[in-house]
Amino acid sequence: MPIFRSISKPGAFPPRIDKSIEMGLSLIQLSATKIAEFSVTALKRITPSRTGFMRSNVRYWGLRLGSRGGFCFRLGWRKKDFLSQKVFYPPYVVYGTGIYGVKKRRIFPKQARRLVWVREGRWISARSIAGQKPQKLFDKVVPNIQRFVRTIVQDAMVSGFKRS
């Protein structure tokens, strides 16, 4: 179950294209890093934060520039950033747990009779819990990224036409 989303803008033009379009596409490739950094900032804004560790470890990696103006990168969390933690927990936040998660079952204790935890200074116990609802962070942030990419593409094409 990946905890990243591949973001890409494939090159959709034939190999023989006008010089002005080619210049605009080269400007888009130069903006790919800017788009990746914008994506990280947008995902950090909506990432829930209790300790700030998950929010601070949002990354992009694997930025590849393709032919004819295309690019691709991965956005999300990498397991190696969470080596100091007991659990790699971003999948639990993004995809949910318990009845909302992959297994679709309530969470029961494995060794004790009841689950026990502290919330706002009070001890709480339960025989089972439903789990955490999924916070579909990628579904919320990808439309913003697509809008940002669209404006950069339009600006690059306009400036490419102005230069020729």
C-alpha atoms as a PDB file:
ATOM      1  CA  MET A   1       0.000   0.000   0.000  1.00  0.00           C
ATOM      2  CA  PRO A   2       1.934   3.076  -1.183  1.00  0.00           C
ATOM      3  CA  ILE A   3       1.901   6.228   0.897  1.00  0.00           C
ATOM      4  CA  PHE A   4       2.771   8.521  -1.936  1.00  0.00           C
ATOM      5  CA  ARG A   5       1.111   9.718  -5.096  1.00  0.00           C
ATOM      6  CA  SER A   6       2.879  10.022  -8.431  1.00  0.00           C
ATOM      7  CA  ILE A   7       2.198  13.416  -9.932  1.00  0.00           C
ATOM      8  CA  SER A   8       2.887  13.750 -13.630  1.00  0.00           C
ATOM      9  CA  LYS A   9       2.309  15.974 -16.606  1.00  0.00           C
ATOM     10  CA  PRO A  10       2.966  13.765 -19.639  1.00  0.00           C
ATOM     11  CA  GLY A  11       4.310  15.305 -22.826  1.00  0.00           C
ATOM     12  CA  ALA A  12       1.349  15.227 -25.173  1.00  0.00           C
ATOM     13  CA  PHE A  13       2.826  16.798 -28.282  1.00  0.00           C
ATOM     14  CA  PRO A  14       4.258  15.015 -31.326  1.00  0.00           C
ATOM     15  CA  PRO A  15       8.047  15.098 -31.850  1.00  0.00           C
ATOM     16  CA  ARG A  16       7.802  17.648 -34.669  1.00  0.00           C
ATOM     17  CA  ILE A  17       6.422  20.740 -33.033  1.00  0.00           C
ATOM     18  CA  ASP A  18       6.730  24.435 -33.634  1.00  0.00           C
ATOM     19  CA  LYS A  19       9.737  26.227 -32.063  1.00  0.00           C
ATOM     20  CA  SER A  20       7.499  28.460 -29.936  1.00  0.00           C
ATOM     21  CA  ILE A  21       5.726  25.455 -28.439  1.00  0.00           C
ATOM     22  CA  GLU A  22       9.077  23.749 -27.871  1.00  0.00           C
ATOM     23  CA  MET A  23      10.324  26.830 -26.020  1.00  0.00           C
ATOM     24  CA  GLY A  24       7.177  26.866 -23.880  1.00  0.00           C
ATOM     25  CA  LEU A  25       7.644  23.193 -23.037  1.00  0.00           C
ATOM     26  CA  SER A  26      11.245  23.789 -21.973  1.00  0.00           C
ATOM     27  CA  LEU A  27       9.966  26.487 -19.587  1.00  0.00           C
ATOM     28  CA  ILE A  28       7.521  23.966 -18.120  1.00  0.00           C
ATOM     29  CA  GLN A  29      10.387  21.568 -17.450  1.00  0.00           C
ATOM     30  CA  LEU A  30      12.284  24.362 -15.702  1.00  0.00           C
ATOM     31  CA  SER A  31       9.188  24.912 -13.538  1.00  0.00           C
ATOM     32  CA  ALA A  32       8.895  21.235 -12.540  1.00  0.00           C
ATOM     33  CA  THR A  33      10.897  21.792  -9.343  1.00  0.00           C
ATOM     34  CA  LYS A  34       8.712  24.767  -8.501  1.00  0.00           C
ATOM     35  CA  ILE A  35       5.608  22.619  -9.014  1.00  0.00           C
ATOM     36  CA  ALA A  36       7.054  19.862  -6.792  1.00  0.00           C
ATOM     37  CA  GLU A  37       7.850  22.358  -4.022  1.00  0.00           C
ATOM     38  CA  PHE A  38       4.352  23.849  -4.297  1.00  0.00           C
ATOM     39  CA  SER A  39       2.917  20.329  -3.971  1.00  0.00           C
ATOM     40  CA  VAL A  40       4.893  19.710  -0.776  1.00  0.00           C
ATOM     41  CA  THR A  41       3.708  23.013   0.686  1.00  0.00           C
ATOM     42  CA  ALA A  42       0.078  22.274  -0.227  1.00  0.00           C
ATOM     43  CA  LEU A  43       0.227  18.797   1.345  1.00  0.00           C
ATOM     44  CA  LYS A  44       1.921  20.154   4.484  1.00  0.00           C
ATOM     45  CA  ARG A  45      -0.907  22.676   4.934  1.00  0.00           C
ATOM     46  CA  ILE A  46      -3.606  20.008   5.178  1.00  0.00           C
ATOM     47  CA  THR A  47      -1.605  17.310   7.009  1.00  0.00           C
ATOM     48  CA  PRO A  48      -2.897  16.902  10.567  1.00  0.00           C
ATOM     49  CA  SER A  49      -0.365  17.730  13.250  1.00  0.00           C
ATOM     50  CA  ARG A  50      -0.218  16.503  16.799  1.00  0.00           C
ATOM     51  CA  THR A  51       3.556  16.488  17.213  1.00  0.00           C
ATOM     52  CA  GLY A  52       4.429  17.948  13.802  1.00  0.00           C
ATOM     53  CA  PHE A  53       6.589  14.965  12.799  1.00  0.00           C
ATOM     54  CA  MET A  54       4.317  13.758   9.995  1.00  0.00           C
ATOM     55  CA  ARG A  55       3.850  17.287   8.662  1.00  0.00           C
ATOM     56  CA  SER A  56       7.574  18.013   8.689  1.00  0.00           C
ATOM     57  CA  ASN A  57       8.397  14.835   6.740  1.00  0.00           C
ATOM     58  CA  VAL A  58       6.308  15.493   3.621  1.00  0.00           C
ATOM     59  CA  ARG A  59       8.696  15.120   0.683  1.00  0.00           C
ATOM     60  CA  TYR A  60       8.929  14.919  -3.071  1.00  0.00           C
ATOM     61  CA  TRP A  61      11.439  12.643  -4.718  1.00  0.00           C
ATOM     62  CA  GLY A  62      12.165  10.965  -8.026  1.00  0.00           C
ATOM     63  CA  LEU A  63      11.660  14.093 -10.146  1.00  0.00           C
ATOM     64  CA  ARG A  64      12.153  12.977 -13.748  1.00  0.00           C
ATOM     65  CA  LEU A  65      11.961  15.218 -16.752  1.00  0.00           C
ATOM     66  CA  GLY A  66      10.565  13.454 -19.780  1.00  0.00           C
ATOM     67  CA  SER A  67      10.727  14.280 -23.425  1.00  0.00           C
ATOM     68  CA  ARG A  68       8.576  17.038 -24.900  1.00  0.00           C
ATOM     69  CA  GLY A  69       7.720  18.839 -21.667  1.00  0.00           C
ATOM     70  CA  GLY A  70       6.658  15.962 -19.467  1.00  0.00           C
ATOM     71  CA  PHE A  71       7.695  15.408 -15.869  1.00  0.00           C
ATOM     72  CA  CYS A  72       6.921  13.061 -13.010  1.00  0.00           C
ATOM     73  CA  PHE A  73       7.643  13.038  -9.270  1.00  0.00           C
ATOM     74  CA  ARG A  74       6.459  11.270  -6.143  1.00  0.00           C
ATOM     75  CA  LEU A  75       4.833  13.165  -3.307  1.00  0.00           C
ATOM     76  CA  GLY A  76       4.249  11.868   0.207  1.00  0.00           C
ATOM     77  CA  TRP A  77       6.163  10.123   2.998  1.00  0.00           C
ATOM     78  CA  ARG A  78       9.081   7.707   2.839  1.00  0.00           C
ATOM     79  CA  LYS A  79       9.565   4.929   5.389  1.00  0.00           C
ATOM     80  CA  LYS A  80      13.223   5.771   5.918  1.00  0.00           C
ATOM     81  CA  ASP A  81      12.236   9.159   7.408  1.00  0.00           C
ATOM     82  CA  PHE A  82      10.327   7.296  10.155  1.00  0.00           C
ATOM     83  CA  LEU A  83      13.070   4.877  11.272  1.00  0.00           C
ATOM     84  CA  SER A  84      13.208   6.453  14.738  1.00  0.00           C
ATOM     85  CA  GLN A  85       9.472   5.781  15.229  1.00  0.00           C
ATOM     86  CA  LYS A  86       7.994   2.448  16.317  1.00  0.00           C
ATOM     87  CA  VAL A  87       5.427   2.523  13.515  1.00  0.00           C
ATOM     88  CA  PHE A  88       5.285   4.070  10.045  1.00  0.00           C
ATOM     89  CA  TYR A  89       1.961   5.788  10.721  1.00  0.00           C
ATOM     90  CA  PRO A  90       1.095   7.962   7.661  1.00  0.00           C
ATOM     91  CA  PRO A  91      -0.807   5.063   6.011  1.00  0.00           C
ATOM     92  CA  TYR A  92      -3.033   4.829   9.080  1.00  0.00           C
ATOM     93  CA  VAL A  93      -3.849   8.535   8.813  1.00  0.00           C
ATOM     94  CA  VAL A  94      -4.389   8.569   5.048  1.00  0.00           C
ATOM     95  CA  TYR A  95      -6.181   5.215   4.579  1.00  0.00           C
ATOM     96  CA  GLY A  96      -7.837   4.825   8.005  1.00  0.00           C
ATOM     97  CA  THR A  97      -7.898   1.980  10.518  1.00  0.00           C
ATOM     98  CA  GLY A  98     -10.434  -0.444  11.925  1.00  0.00           C
ATOM     99  CA  ILE A  99     -13.789  -0.534  10.154  1.00  0.00           C
ATOM    100  CA  TYR A 100     -12.657   2.330   7.916  1.00  0.00           C
ATOM    101  CA  GLY A 101      -9.324   0.725   6.960  1.00  0.00           C
ATOM    102  CA  VAL A 102      -8.247  -2.125   4.739  1.00  0.00           C
ATOM    103  CA  LYS A 103      -9.468  -5.001   6.937  1.00  0.00           C
ATOM    104  CA  LYS A 104     -12.908  -3.440   7.656  1.00  0.00           C
ATOM    105  CA  ARG A 105     -13.005  -4.870  11.228  1.00  0.00           C
ATOM    106  CA  ARG A 106     -13.190  -3.310  14.684  1.00  0.00           C
ATOM    107  CA  ILE A 107      -9.957  -3.057  16.672  1.00  0.00           C
ATOM    108  CA  PHE A 108      -9.720  -5.433  19.658  1.00  0.00           C
ATOM    109  CA  PRO A 109      -6.879  -5.795  22.196  1.00  0.00           C
ATOM    110  CA  LYS A 110      -4.461  -8.652  21.509  1.00  0.00           C
ATOM    111  CA  GLN A 111      -3.183  -9.407  25.027  1.00  0.00           C
ATOM    112  CA  ALA A 112      -5.401  -7.524  27.489  1.00  0.00           C
ATOM    113  CA  ARG A 113      -9.144  -7.604  28.092  1.00  0.00           C
ATOM    114  CA  ARG A 114      -9.650  -3.925  27.289  1.00  0.00           C
ATOM    115  CA  LEU A 115      -7.985  -1.131  25.351  1.00  0.00           C
ATOM    116  CA  VAL A 116      -6.847   1.649  27.691  1.00  0.00           C
ATOM    117  CA  TRP A 117      -5.526   5.133  26.825  1.00  0.00           C
ATOM    118  CA  VAL A 118      -5.311   8.670  28.210  1.00  0.00           C
ATOM    119  CA  ARG A 119      -7.264  11.476  26.540  1.00  0.00           C
ATOM    120  CA  GLU A 120      -7.213  15.041  27.845  1.00  0.00           C
ATOM    121  CA  GLY A 121      -5.910  13.863  31.228  1.00  0.00           C
ATOM    122  CA  ARG A 122      -8.587  11.174  31.714  1.00  0.00           C
ATOM    123  CA  TRP A 123      -8.183   7.399  31.468  1.00  0.00           C
ATOM    124  CA  ILE A 124     -10.508   5.750  28.953  1.00  0.00           C
ATOM    125  CA  SER A 125     -11.064   2.044  28.390  1.00  0.00           C
ATOM    126  CA  ALA A 126     -13.084   0.106  25.827  1.00  0.00           C
ATOM    127  CA  ARG A 127     -13.480  -3.495  24.679  1.00  0.00           C
ATOM    128  CA  SER A 128     -13.102  -2.454  21.045  1.00  0.00           C
ATOM    129  CA  ILE A 129     -12.971   0.692  18.937  1.00  0.00           C
ATOM    130  CA  ALA A 130     -14.111   1.455  15.403  1.00  0.00           C
ATOM    131  CA  GLY A 131     -10.808   3.026  14.335  1.00  0.00           C
ATOM    132  CA  GLN A 132      -9.817   6.220  12.606  1.00  0.00           C
ATOM    133  CA  LYS A 133     -11.629   7.537   9.569  1.00  0.00           C
ATOM    134  CA  PRO A 134      -9.415   7.999   6.511  1.00  0.00           C
ATOM    135  CA  GLN A 135      -8.217  11.524   5.858  1.00  0.00           C
ATOM    136  CA  LYS A 136      -7.915  11.491   2.087  1.00  0.00           C
ATOM    137  CA  LEU A 137      -5.119  14.029   1.916  1.00  0.00           C
ATOM    138  CA  PHE A 138      -4.078  13.271  -1.666  1.00  0.00           C
ATOM    139  CA  ASP A 139      -7.659  13.610  -2.926  1.00  0.00           C
ATOM    140  CA  LYS A 140      -7.783  17.075  -1.363  1.00  0.00           C
ATOM    141  CA  VAL A 141      -4.415  18.336  -2.611  1.00  0.00           C
ATOM    142  CA  VAL A 142      -4.149  16.924  -6.167  1.00  0.00           C
ATOM    143  CA  PRO A 143      -6.823  19.266  -7.676  1.00  0.00           C
ATOM    144  CA  ASN A 144      -4.856  22.263  -6.328  1.00  0.00           C
ATOM    145  CA  ILE A 145      -1.668  20.903  -7.887  1.00  0.00           C
ATOM    146  CA  GLN A 146      -3.427  20.360 -11.215  1.00  0.00           C
ATOM    147  CA  ARG A 147      -4.728  23.934 -11.147  1.00  0.00           C
ATOM    148  CA  PHE A 148      -1.231  25.251 -10.405  1.00  0.00           C
ATOM    149  CA  VAL A 149       0.271  23.145 -13.228  1.00  0.00           C
ATOM    150  CA  ARG A 150      -2.401  24.417 -15.615  1.00  0.00           C
ATOM    151  CA  THR A 151      -1.545  28.070 -14.876  1.00  0.00           C
ATOM    152  CA  ILE A 152       2.196  27.414 -15.286  1.00  0.00           C
ATOM    153  CA  VAL A 153       1.592  25.628 -18.603  1.00  0.00           C
ATOM    154  CA  GLN A 154      -0.556  28.498 -19.852  1.00  0.00           C
ATOM    155  CA  ASP A 155       2.024  31.096 -18.791  1.00  0.00           C
ATOM    156  CA  ALA A 156       4.860  29.100 -20.378  1.00  0.00           C
ATOM    157  CA  MET A 157       2.975  28.736 -23.650  1.00  0.00           C
ATOM    158  CA  VAL A 158       2.136  32.449 -23.756  1.00  0.00           C
ATOM    159  CA  SER A 159       5.751  33.431 -23.073  1.00  0.00           C
ATOM    160  CA  GLY A 160       6.918  30.870 -25.674  1.00  0.00           C
ATOM    161  CA  PHE A 161       4.664  32.461 -28.294  1.00  0.00           C
ATOM    162  CA  LYS A 162       5.844  35.970 -27.316  1.00  0.00           C
ATOM    163  CA  ARG A 163       9.506  35.033 -27.846  1.00  0.00           C
ATOM    164  CA  SER A 164       9.029  33.694 -31.340  1.00  0.00           C
END
